[in-house]
Protein backbone atom coordinates (compact mmCIF):
# COMPACT_ATOMS: atom_id res chain seq x y z
CA MET A 1 46.82 101.12 46.06
CA ALA A 2 48.14 104.48 47.31
CA HIS A 3 51.79 105.39 46.77
CA ALA A 4 54.15 105.22 49.67
CA TYR A 5 56.71 107.91 49.78
CA THR A 6 60.18 107.53 51.41
CA PRO A 7 63.47 109.54 51.36
CA GLY A 8 65.68 108.44 48.56
CA LEU A 9 68.89 109.15 46.64
CA ARG A 10 69.15 109.57 42.96
CA VAL A 11 71.38 107.51 40.62
CA SER A 12 70.35 108.53 37.24
CA ASP A 13 71.91 108.50 33.74
CA TYR A 14 69.68 111.36 32.71
CA ALA A 15 68.47 114.28 34.92
CA THR A 16 67.95 117.95 34.52
CA VAL A 17 69.85 119.71 37.28
CA ARG A 18 69.32 123.38 38.24
CA LYS A 19 71.70 125.11 40.63
CA GLN A 20 71.10 128.50 42.16
CA ARG A 21 74.35 130.41 42.54
CA ARG A 22 73.91 133.37 44.90
CA LEU A 23 76.11 135.97 46.49
CA PRO A 24 75.92 136.39 50.21
CA ILE A 25 75.63 140.20 49.69
CA ALA A 26 74.49 142.42 46.84
CA GLY A 27 77.00 142.44 44.03
CA GLU A 28 77.24 142.24 40.26
CA VAL A 29 76.08 139.44 37.92
CA LEU A 30 78.58 138.85 35.21
CA VAL A 31 76.56 136.66 32.83
CA SER A 32 73.29 136.73 30.93
CA VAL A 33 70.41 134.36 30.41
CA GLY A 34 71.42 131.92 27.65
CA ASP A 35 75.16 132.04 28.27
CA LYS A 36 77.04 128.78 28.26
CA VAL A 37 79.26 128.51 31.31
CA ARG A 38 81.87 126.04 32.62
CA ALA A 39 82.13 125.04 36.24
CA GLU A 40 85.15 127.28 36.88
CA ASP A 41 83.54 130.47 35.37
CA ILE A 42 82.75 133.28 37.79
CA VAL A 43 79.11 134.24 37.36
CA ALA A 44 78.67 136.79 40.09
CA HIS A 45 81.07 139.05 42.02
CA ALA A 46 80.84 141.20 45.19
CA GLU A 47 83.15 142.81 47.63
CA LEU A 48 82.83 142.34 51.40
CA PRO A 49 83.68 145.43 53.40
CA GLY A 50 86.99 145.15 55.16
CA ASP A 51 87.47 145.21 58.96
CA ILE A 52 87.44 148.41 60.89
CA SER A 53 90.33 149.50 63.22
CA ALA A 54 89.86 152.44 65.47
CA VAL A 55 92.90 154.72 66.17
CA ASN A 56 92.58 157.14 69.12
CA VAL A 57 94.58 159.96 67.53
CA VAL A 58 93.93 162.68 70.17
CA ASN A 59 95.29 160.46 72.90
CA GLN A 60 98.40 159.53 70.92
CA LEU A 61 99.16 163.22 70.08
CA GLY A 62 97.97 164.74 73.28
CA ILE A 63 95.58 167.18 71.59
CA THR A 64 91.85 167.99 71.77
CA PRO A 65 89.23 166.76 69.21
CA ALA A 66 88.88 170.36 68.03
CA ASP A 67 92.56 170.35 66.97
CA LEU A 68 92.28 167.18 64.87
CA PRO A 69 91.01 168.61 61.49
CA ASN A 70 94.00 170.90 61.13
CA LEU A 71 96.53 168.10 61.93
CA MET A 72 95.15 165.37 59.61
CA LEU A 73 97.52 164.25 56.87
CA LYS A 74 94.88 161.89 55.36
CA GLN A 75 91.23 162.57 54.64
CA PRO A 76 88.33 160.18 54.53
CA GLY A 77 88.43 157.94 51.47
CA GLU A 78 92.24 158.17 51.03
CA ARG A 79 94.41 155.04 51.09
CA ILE A 80 96.98 154.67 53.94
CA ALA A 81 99.73 152.13 54.43
CA ARG A 82 100.59 150.49 57.67
CA GLY A 83 103.03 152.63 59.67
CA GLU A 84 102.07 155.73 57.63
CA ALA A 85 101.22 158.96 59.50
CA ILE A 86 97.55 159.72 59.95
CA ALA A 87 98.03 163.00 61.70
CA GLU A 88 100.98 165.07 62.88
CA THR A 89 101.56 167.79 65.42
CA LYS A 90 103.02 171.14 64.26
CA PRO A 91 105.35 172.38 67.09
CA LEU A 92 107.61 175.44 66.72
CA ILE A 93 110.59 173.10 67.01
CA LYS A 94 110.42 170.31 64.47
CA TRP A 95 112.31 167.91 66.62
CA PHE A 96 109.30 167.82 69.08
CA ARG A 97 106.94 166.77 66.31
CA SER A 98 104.81 163.57 66.96
CA ALA A 99 102.65 161.50 64.67
CA ALA A 100 99.91 159.03 65.01
CA ARG A 101 100.42 156.09 62.57
CA SER A 102 98.15 153.55 60.98
CA PRO A 103 98.30 150.04 62.41
CA ILE A 104 97.05 148.51 59.20
CA ASP A 105 96.88 148.90 55.42
CA GLY A 106 93.54 150.30 54.36
CA SER A 107 91.66 153.57 53.84
CA ILE A 108 90.31 156.32 56.09
CA GLU A 109 86.70 155.61 56.78
CA THR A 110 85.67 158.35 59.15
CA VAL A 111 87.23 161.09 61.36
CA SER A 112 85.32 161.98 64.51
CA HIS A 113 85.73 165.53 65.63
CA VAL A 114 83.87 164.56 68.86
CA THR A 115 85.85 161.57 70.13
CA GLY A 116 89.08 162.28 68.27
CA GLN A 117 89.05 158.72 66.78
CA VAL A 118 89.92 157.83 63.24
CA MET A 119 88.37 154.73 61.72
CA ILE A 120 90.44 152.80 59.24
CA ARG A 121 88.98 150.09 57.07
CA THR A 122 90.98 147.32 55.56
CA ALA A 123 90.74 146.55 51.83
CA PRO A 124 87.47 144.85 50.69
CA LYS A 125 87.51 141.10 50.28
CA PRO A 126 86.45 139.85 46.87
CA VAL A 127 83.62 137.26 46.94
CA ASP A 128 83.29 135.25 43.62
CA VAL A 129 80.49 132.79 42.88
CA ARG A 130 81.38 130.16 40.29
CA ALA A 131 78.95 128.21 38.05
CA TYR A 132 79.93 124.87 39.70
CA ILE A 133 78.56 122.84 36.76
CA ASP A 134 78.98 123.09 32.97
CA GLY A 135 75.67 124.32 31.69
CA THR A 136 73.42 127.22 30.63
CA VAL A 137 72.30 130.26 32.56
CA VAL A 138 68.54 130.06 32.59
CA GLU A 139 67.66 132.71 35.30
CA ILE A 140 69.15 135.88 36.59
CA PHE A 141 68.63 137.29 40.18
CA PRO A 142 69.63 140.96 39.84
CA ASP A 143 72.55 141.89 42.03
CA GLU A 144 72.40 138.46 43.62
CA GLY A 145 73.23 135.54 41.21
CA VAL A 146 71.98 133.13 38.66
CA THR A 147 70.55 129.68 38.09
CA VAL A 148 72.58 127.26 35.96
CA GLU A 149 70.94 124.37 34.29
CA ALA A 150 72.64 121.19 32.94
CA THR A 151 71.34 117.86 31.72
CA GLY A 152 73.32 114.66 32.23
CA ALA A 153 74.09 111.93 34.78
CA LEU A 154 73.44 112.47 38.55
CA VAL A 155 74.69 110.35 41.36
CA GLN A 156 73.94 111.19 44.98
CA GLY A 157 75.87 109.78 47.97
CA ILE A 158 75.26 109.18 51.61
CA LEU A 159 77.85 111.38 53.19
CA GLY A 160 80.52 113.72 52.00
CA ILE A 161 83.09 116.22 53.32
CA GLY A 162 84.70 119.14 51.46
CA GLY A 163 83.13 121.55 49.03
CA GLU A 164 82.76 122.00 45.27
CA VAL A 165 85.24 120.74 42.74
CA ALA A 166 85.27 120.04 38.98
CA GLY A 167 87.42 117.80 36.92
CA GLU A 168 87.64 114.75 34.64
CA LEU A 169 85.99 111.52 35.91
CA ALA A 170 88.36 108.56 36.30
CA VAL A 171 88.11 105.09 37.75
CA ALA A 172 90.63 103.43 40.00
CA GLY A 173 90.80 99.99 41.59
CA ASP A 174 89.37 96.65 40.52
CA GLY A 175 85.63 97.11 40.62
CA PRO A 176 82.84 98.09 43.06
CA GLY A 177 83.94 95.59 45.71
CA ALA A 178 87.62 96.36 45.75
CA VAL A 179 89.61 98.14 48.44
CA LEU A 180 91.50 101.11 47.02
CA GLU A 181 95.18 101.07 48.03
CA PRO A 182 97.87 103.74 47.53
CA LYS A 183 99.44 101.69 44.65
CA ASP A 184 96.15 102.09 42.62
CA LEU A 185 96.58 105.94 42.59
CA THR A 186 98.88 107.14 39.85
CA ASP A 187 100.26 110.62 39.21
CA ASP A 188 98.05 111.17 36.20
CA LEU A 189 94.94 111.24 38.45
CA ALA A 190 95.89 114.77 39.67
CA GLY A 191 92.94 117.12 39.45
CA LYS A 192 90.49 114.32 38.64
CA ILE A 193 87.37 113.00 40.35
CA VAL A 194 88.32 109.37 41.05
CA VAL A 195 85.79 106.62 41.54
CA ALA A 196 86.88 103.71 43.73
CA GLY A 197 85.13 100.61 45.06
CA ALA A 198 84.15 99.33 48.44
CA LEU A 199 86.70 101.19 50.64
CA ILE A 200 89.32 103.86 50.61
CA THR A 201 91.97 103.29 53.17
CA ARG A 202 93.51 106.29 55.10
CA ALA A 203 96.85 105.53 53.36
CA ALA A 204 95.18 105.74 49.94
CA PHE A 205 93.43 109.06 50.98
CA ASP A 206 96.82 110.51 51.99
CA ARG A 207 98.32 109.33 48.75
CA ALA A 208 95.40 111.06 46.79
CA THR A 209 96.17 114.27 48.79
CA ALA A 210 99.82 114.08 47.80
CA ILE A 211 98.95 113.63 44.05
CA GLY A 212 96.39 116.42 44.13
CA VAL A 213 93.25 114.32 43.33
CA ALA A 214 90.16 116.67 43.26
CA ALA A 215 87.70 114.19 44.77
CA LEU A 216 87.36 110.55 45.79
CA VAL A 217 84.10 108.66 45.36
CA CYS A 218 83.80 105.31 47.32
CA GLY A 219 81.34 102.87 48.81
CA GLY A 220 82.67 103.12 52.22
CA PHE A 221 85.18 104.84 54.61
CA HIS A 222 86.09 103.77 58.15
CA ASP A 223 84.59 106.11 60.76
CA CYS A 224 87.85 106.10 62.73
CA ASP A 225 89.71 107.25 59.74
CA LEU A 226 87.19 110.02 59.10
CA ARG A 227 87.47 111.19 62.73
CA ASP A 228 91.29 111.15 62.43
CA LEU A 229 91.10 113.11 59.20
CA LEU A 230 88.80 115.81 60.49
CA GLY A 231 90.23 115.90 64.00
CA TYR A 232 86.80 115.68 65.66
CA ASP A 233 83.67 113.53 65.63
CA LEU A 234 81.28 114.48 62.84
CA GLY A 235 77.94 115.39 64.30
CA VAL A 236 74.64 116.13 62.55
CA ALA A 237 75.52 119.63 61.44
CA ILE A 238 76.07 120.44 57.71
CA THR A 239 79.30 119.44 56.13
CA GLY A 240 81.01 121.01 53.07
CA HIS A 241 83.02 123.79 54.81
CA GLU A 242 85.98 121.59 55.49
CA ASP A 243 89.29 122.73 53.93
CA ILE A 244 90.12 119.21 52.79
CA ARG A 245 91.36 117.86 49.45
CA PRO A 246 90.44 115.53 48.00
CA VAL A 247 86.66 115.95 48.49
CA LEU A 248 85.38 112.63 49.91
CA ILE A 249 81.91 111.23 48.89
CA ILE A 250 80.66 108.02 50.35
CA THR A 251 77.87 106.25 48.46
CA GLU A 252 77.02 103.37 50.89
CA GLY A 253 78.07 103.91 54.51
CA PHE A 254 80.93 103.39 56.97
CA GLY A 255 83.34 100.52 56.74
CA SER A 256 84.03 98.34 53.73
CA MET A 257 80.80 98.39 51.71
CA ALA A 258 80.74 97.46 48.01
CA MET A 259 79.52 100.39 45.92
CA ALA A 260 76.14 99.51 44.40
CA ALA A 261 76.79 98.00 40.97
CA ALA A 262 74.45 100.42 39.20
CA THR A 263 76.21 103.38 40.74
CA HIS A 264 79.75 102.05 39.74
CA GLU A 265 78.59 101.14 36.22
CA LEU A 266 77.04 104.50 35.64
CA LEU A 267 80.13 106.43 36.83
CA SER A 268 82.47 104.05 34.97
CA ALA A 269 80.57 104.62 31.80
CA HIS A 270 81.24 108.32 31.96
CA ALA A 271 84.99 107.98 32.73
CA GLY A 272 86.94 110.61 30.78
CA GLN A 273 84.06 113.21 30.87
CA ARG A 274 84.03 116.40 32.81
CA ALA A 275 82.11 116.26 36.09
CA SER A 276 81.38 118.36 39.16
CA ALA A 277 81.38 116.98 42.72
CA ASN A 278 80.18 118.51 46.04
CA GLY A 279 80.66 116.91 49.43
CA THR A 280 78.14 119.18 51.13
CA THR A 281 75.79 117.04 53.33
CA GLN A 282 72.96 117.87 55.73
CA ILE A 283 70.94 115.05 57.32
CA ARG A 284 68.43 117.03 59.23
CA ALA A 285 65.59 119.30 57.98
CA GLY A 286 66.40 120.53 54.45
CA VAL A 287 68.35 117.38 53.46
CA LEU A 288 71.36 117.97 51.26
CA ARG A 289 73.22 115.09 49.75
CA PRO A 290 76.72 114.91 48.28
CA GLU A 291 76.64 114.59 44.52
CA ILE A 292 78.49 113.97 41.27
CA ILE A 293 77.02 115.71 38.25
CA ILE A 294 78.23 114.71 34.75
CA PRO A 295 76.83 117.14 32.14
CA ALA A 296 75.99 115.65 28.79
CA THR A 297 78.85 115.72 26.42
CA GLY A 298 78.86 118.01 23.39
CA ASP A 299 76.50 120.85 24.11
CA ALA A 300 76.51 121.35 27.88
CA GLY A 301 73.02 121.04 29.17
CA ALA A 302 71.62 119.45 26.00
CA ALA A 303 69.41 116.38 26.35
CA PRO A 304 70.59 113.12 24.80
CA ALA A 305 68.59 112.08 21.81
CA GLY A 306 65.35 110.27 22.82
CA ALA A 307 65.99 110.84 26.51
CA LYS A 308 63.15 111.82 28.74
CA ALA A 309 63.64 112.99 32.32
CA SER A 310 61.16 111.71 34.84
CA PRO A 311 60.29 113.16 38.27
CA ALA A 312 61.22 111.38 41.44
CA LYS A 313 58.47 108.99 42.55
CA GLY A 314 57.57 107.03 45.67
CA LEU A 315 58.05 103.28 46.40
CA THR A 316 56.26 100.93 43.97
CA PRO A 317 56.73 97.29 43.27
CA GLY A 318 60.09 96.83 41.60
CA SER A 319 61.64 100.03 43.06
CA PRO A 320 65.29 99.55 43.96
CA VAL A 321 65.96 100.27 47.66
CA ARG A 322 68.75 100.01 50.27
CA ILE A 323 68.11 99.02 53.88
CA ILE A 324 69.49 101.77 56.12
CA ARG A 325 69.04 100.21 59.55
CA GLU A 326 69.60 96.82 61.10
CA PRO A 327 68.71 94.06 60.43
CA GLY A 328 70.05 93.92 57.01
CA PHE A 329 71.80 97.31 56.98
CA GLY A 330 73.39 98.05 53.71
CA ARG A 331 71.64 95.39 51.62
CA LEU A 332 70.33 96.30 48.20
CA GLY A 333 67.11 94.88 46.97
CA ALA A 334 63.82 95.60 45.23
CA VAL A 335 60.30 96.20 46.51
CA LYS A 336 58.28 93.03 46.12
CA SER A 337 55.04 94.26 47.72
CA LEU A 338 53.63 97.13 49.92
CA PRO A 339 51.27 95.56 52.44
CA PRO A 340 48.67 98.31 53.21
CA GLU A 341 48.08 97.22 56.84
CA ALA A 342 50.30 98.05 59.80
CA ARG A 343 52.24 95.13 61.23
CA ARG A 344 53.88 94.42 64.55
CA VAL A 345 57.72 94.34 64.41
CA GLU A 346 60.36 93.12 66.85
CA SER A 347 60.17 96.33 68.91
CA GLU A 348 56.52 95.61 69.49
CA ALA A 349 55.52 98.72 67.47
CA LYS A 350 52.91 98.55 64.77
CA VAL A 351 54.28 100.16 61.60
CA ARG A 352 53.72 100.10 57.94
CA VAL A 353 56.16 97.72 56.20
CA VAL A 354 57.55 96.75 52.82
CA GLU A 355 58.43 93.36 51.52
CA LEU A 356 61.80 93.19 49.85
CA GLU A 357 63.32 90.74 47.47
CA PHE A 358 67.11 90.45 47.05
CA PRO A 359 69.22 89.29 44.12
CA GLU A 360 70.07 86.14 46.10
CA GLY A 361 66.46 85.18 45.93
CA ASP A 362 65.45 85.67 49.57
CA THR A 363 62.91 88.10 50.90
CA MET A 364 62.52 90.23 54.01
CA ILE A 365 59.81 92.31 55.57
CA VAL A 366 61.10 95.61 57.19
CA PRO A 367 59.55 98.83 58.32
CA ARG A 368 59.21 101.37 55.50
CA ALA A 369 61.25 103.79 57.64
CA ASN A 370 64.17 101.42 57.37
CA VAL A 371 64.57 101.75 53.64
CA GLU A 372 65.90 104.36 51.25
CA ALA A 373 64.73 104.49 47.72
CA ILE A 374 67.36 104.57 44.94
CA GLU A 375 65.72 106.79 42.31
CA SER A 376 66.86 106.42 38.75
């Protein structure tokens, strides 16, 4: 029987993760192949040119462009402070002297002897790229960045907001089916990646913000709370640019949805270890999923004894899956069989289907497009 492939998320206690860390412009790589790095380490650095401000000096001084070179007090490349004179007239009577002053802090970029304008550029803006995960540098892109590799646990979610954070993994609440309340969040969770249960209330999220929690991982979050938090309806564009703390990662869906037992158990088993989390999500072409990466303890990036990573595979009998559309949205089960023939469903369409078996003992036949594999 041929394999059937379907989009899936990974929940794995052992995975080899490689992350490319690239600068947006050419810069300097600060590490070498083989270097051990921590998530917070800067691995590449560049400087974005500052903004340009044009000053029409000849108009301000009432002179011609030909007079400008002899009246300049600052030359290209020299620093200048806001309010400092760029050029100054030289009248016979000093009380009639006038000056053109800089509107910004920066440096003289160019002086035009044709237009009489002076271009001033603000200070360059530093751009630092951090390692994001604890691991080993395995590849260098000259003047661009690096690839960092780590081996450890990997959990992908359904949706996230916020960017990259790192911190110690902690568990709050009473299990995968619990609702996280503000009282469950204590001050010692500051700076940590906190794993909750089925739902995080808006009040609990606000409490986490006040404490300084780095990230919250939960089964579900109310869509109205997410809209209120962002100030707009979340569309299909990429997330991860939001200036929000804590980072929020949802593993199951909207509303109160118990976190998958395997996901909660895996994260709980690594409580106290350092982890990295990223809420960046893209649900269209080039799918990006929010993730929690927990590098192996001891030697970052080293494989546990006897462990063997396996590539992602398609649906096969026994594969764990989640139903991602009604009917049965959110239910977790396993593939019982993969009928090869197309079948007619309620919509009258003929599609390929999968037969699922649930922990409760019941079965269901659903279109293969309605399930998501949970790769372990």
